[in-house]
Amino acid sequence: MFVPQTLYEPVLLDDNDECIVHQGDAFPTESEAQKVHETWRAEGRTERMAINLVPLYDSAEQWQADR
């Protein structure tokens, strides 16, 4: 069974309905994604933050088989 690589995507969330308002690219580790949150806080960002886990497939067939 294929196990996709997981990418970590730091995001800013809307305060009202938790929609993503900005995506901060993607990183191979959670600790690297967390550094983006630290940078945003240092820059004065006050929005809620989260890290999305995004599976990375090599093909649509792999994705389909994993559904």
C-alpha atoms as a PDB file:
ATOM      1  CA  MET A   1       0.000   0.000   0.000  1.00  0.00           C
ATOM      2  CA  PHE A   2       1.283   3.444  -0.956  1.00  0.00           C
ATOM      3  CA  VAL A   3       1.767   5.882   1.927  1.00  0.00           C
ATOM      4  CA  PRO A   4       1.845   9.480   0.691  1.00  0.00           C
ATOM      5  CA  GLN A   5       4.374  11.981   1.937  1.00  0.00           C
ATOM      6  CA  THR A   6       2.797  14.525   4.277  1.00  0.00           C
ATOM      7  CA  LEU A   7       3.462  18.215   3.782  1.00  0.00           C
ATOM      8  CA  TYR A   8       2.830  20.797   6.501  1.00  0.00           C
ATOM      9  CA  GLU A   9       1.141  24.018   5.420  1.00  0.00           C
ATOM     10  CA  PRO A  10       0.970  26.974   7.823  1.00  0.00           C
ATOM     11  CA  VAL A  11      -2.248  28.957   7.383  1.00  0.00           C
ATOM     12  CA  LEU A  12      -4.007  32.008   8.764  1.00  0.00           C
ATOM     13  CA  LEU A  13      -7.688  31.550   9.632  1.00  0.00           C
ATOM     14  CA  ASP A  14     -10.656  33.893   9.497  1.00  0.00           C
ATOM     15  CA  ASP A  15     -11.886  34.595  13.032  1.00  0.00           C
ATOM     16  CA  ASN A  16     -15.556  34.144  12.184  1.00  0.00           C
ATOM     17  CA  ASP A  17     -15.873  30.842  10.342  1.00  0.00           C
ATOM     18  CA  GLU A  18     -12.396  29.295  10.417  1.00  0.00           C
ATOM     19  CA  CYS A  19     -11.886  29.664   6.662  1.00  0.00           C
ATOM     20  CA  ILE A  20      -8.306  29.853   5.430  1.00  0.00           C
ATOM     21  CA  VAL A  21      -7.460  33.420   4.455  1.00  0.00           C
ATOM     22  CA  HIS A  22      -3.764  32.878   3.672  1.00  0.00           C
ATOM     23  CA  GLN A  23      -1.562  29.864   2.995  1.00  0.00           C
ATOM     24  CA  GLY A  24       2.127  30.030   3.825  1.00  0.00           C
ATOM     25  CA  ASP A  25       3.451  27.487   1.311  1.00  0.00           C
ATOM     26  CA  ALA A  26       4.302  23.927   2.448  1.00  0.00           C
ATOM     27  CA  PHE A  27       7.162  22.308   4.325  1.00  0.00           C
ATOM     28  CA  PRO A  28       8.420  18.754   4.862  1.00  0.00           C
ATOM     29  CA  THR A  29       8.235  18.975   8.677  1.00  0.00           C
ATOM     30  CA  GLU A  30       5.863  20.476  11.211  1.00  0.00           C
ATOM     31  CA  SER A  31       8.736  22.252  12.956  1.00  0.00           C
ATOM     32  CA  GLU A  32       9.586  24.157   9.766  1.00  0.00           C
ATOM     33  CA  ALA A  33       5.953  25.134   9.280  1.00  0.00           C
ATOM     34  CA  GLN A  34       5.852  26.333  12.891  1.00  0.00           C
ATOM     35  CA  LYS A  35       8.709  28.734  12.105  1.00  0.00           C
ATOM     36  CA  VAL A  36       6.353  30.525   9.695  1.00  0.00           C
ATOM     37  CA  HIS A  37       3.878  31.017  12.553  1.00  0.00           C
ATOM     38  CA  GLU A  38       6.706  32.408  14.689  1.00  0.00           C
ATOM     39  CA  THR A  39       7.642  34.828  11.899  1.00  0.00           C
ATOM     40  CA  TRP A  40       4.036  35.938  11.456  1.00  0.00           C
ATOM     41  CA  ARG A  41       3.697  36.571  15.211  1.00  0.00           C
ATOM     42  CA  ALA A  42       6.964  38.547  15.233  1.00  0.00           C
ATOM     43  CA  GLU A  43       5.576  40.650  12.379  1.00  0.00           C
ATOM     44  CA  GLY A  44       2.502  41.435  14.469  1.00  0.00           C
ATOM     45  CA  ARG A  45      -0.042  39.060  12.881  1.00  0.00           C
ATOM     46  CA  THR A  46      -2.923  38.390  15.258  1.00  0.00           C
ATOM     47  CA  GLU A  47      -5.087  36.052  13.193  1.00  0.00           C
ATOM     48  CA  ARG A  48      -5.662  32.503  14.373  1.00  0.00           C
ATOM     49  CA  MET A  49      -3.107  30.107  12.933  1.00  0.00           C
ATOM     50  CA  ALA A  50      -3.132  26.432  12.083  1.00  0.00           C
ATOM     51  CA  ILE A  51      -1.039  23.883  10.244  1.00  0.00           C
ATOM     52  CA  ASN A  52      -2.768  21.829   7.562  1.00  0.00           C
ATOM     53  CA  LEU A  53      -1.465  18.343   6.870  1.00  0.00           C
ATOM     54  CA  VAL A  54      -1.477  17.760   3.120  1.00  0.00           C
ATOM     55  CA  PRO A  55      -0.835  14.289   1.676  1.00  0.00           C
ATOM     56  CA  LEU A  56       1.277  14.318  -1.476  1.00  0.00           C
ATOM     57  CA  TYR A  57       0.488  11.621  -4.036  1.00  0.00           C
ATOM     58  CA  ASP A  58       2.472  10.768  -7.160  1.00  0.00           C
ATOM     59  CA  SER A  59      -0.683  10.133  -9.199  1.00  0.00           C
ATOM     60  CA  ALA A  60      -4.457  10.373  -9.163  1.00  0.00           C
ATOM     61  CA  GLU A  61      -4.530   6.584  -9.191  1.00  0.00           C
ATOM     62  CA  GLN A  62      -2.672   6.474  -5.860  1.00  0.00           C
ATOM     63  CA  TRP A  63      -5.042   9.031  -4.437  1.00  0.00           C
ATOM     64  CA  GLN A  64      -8.050   7.054  -5.678  1.00  0.00           C
ATOM     65  CA  ALA A  65      -6.737   3.839  -4.145  1.00  0.00           C
ATOM     66  CA  ASP A  66      -6.273   5.617  -0.806  1.00  0.00           C
ATOM     67  CA  ARG A  67      -9.825   6.995  -0.665  1.00  0.00           C
END
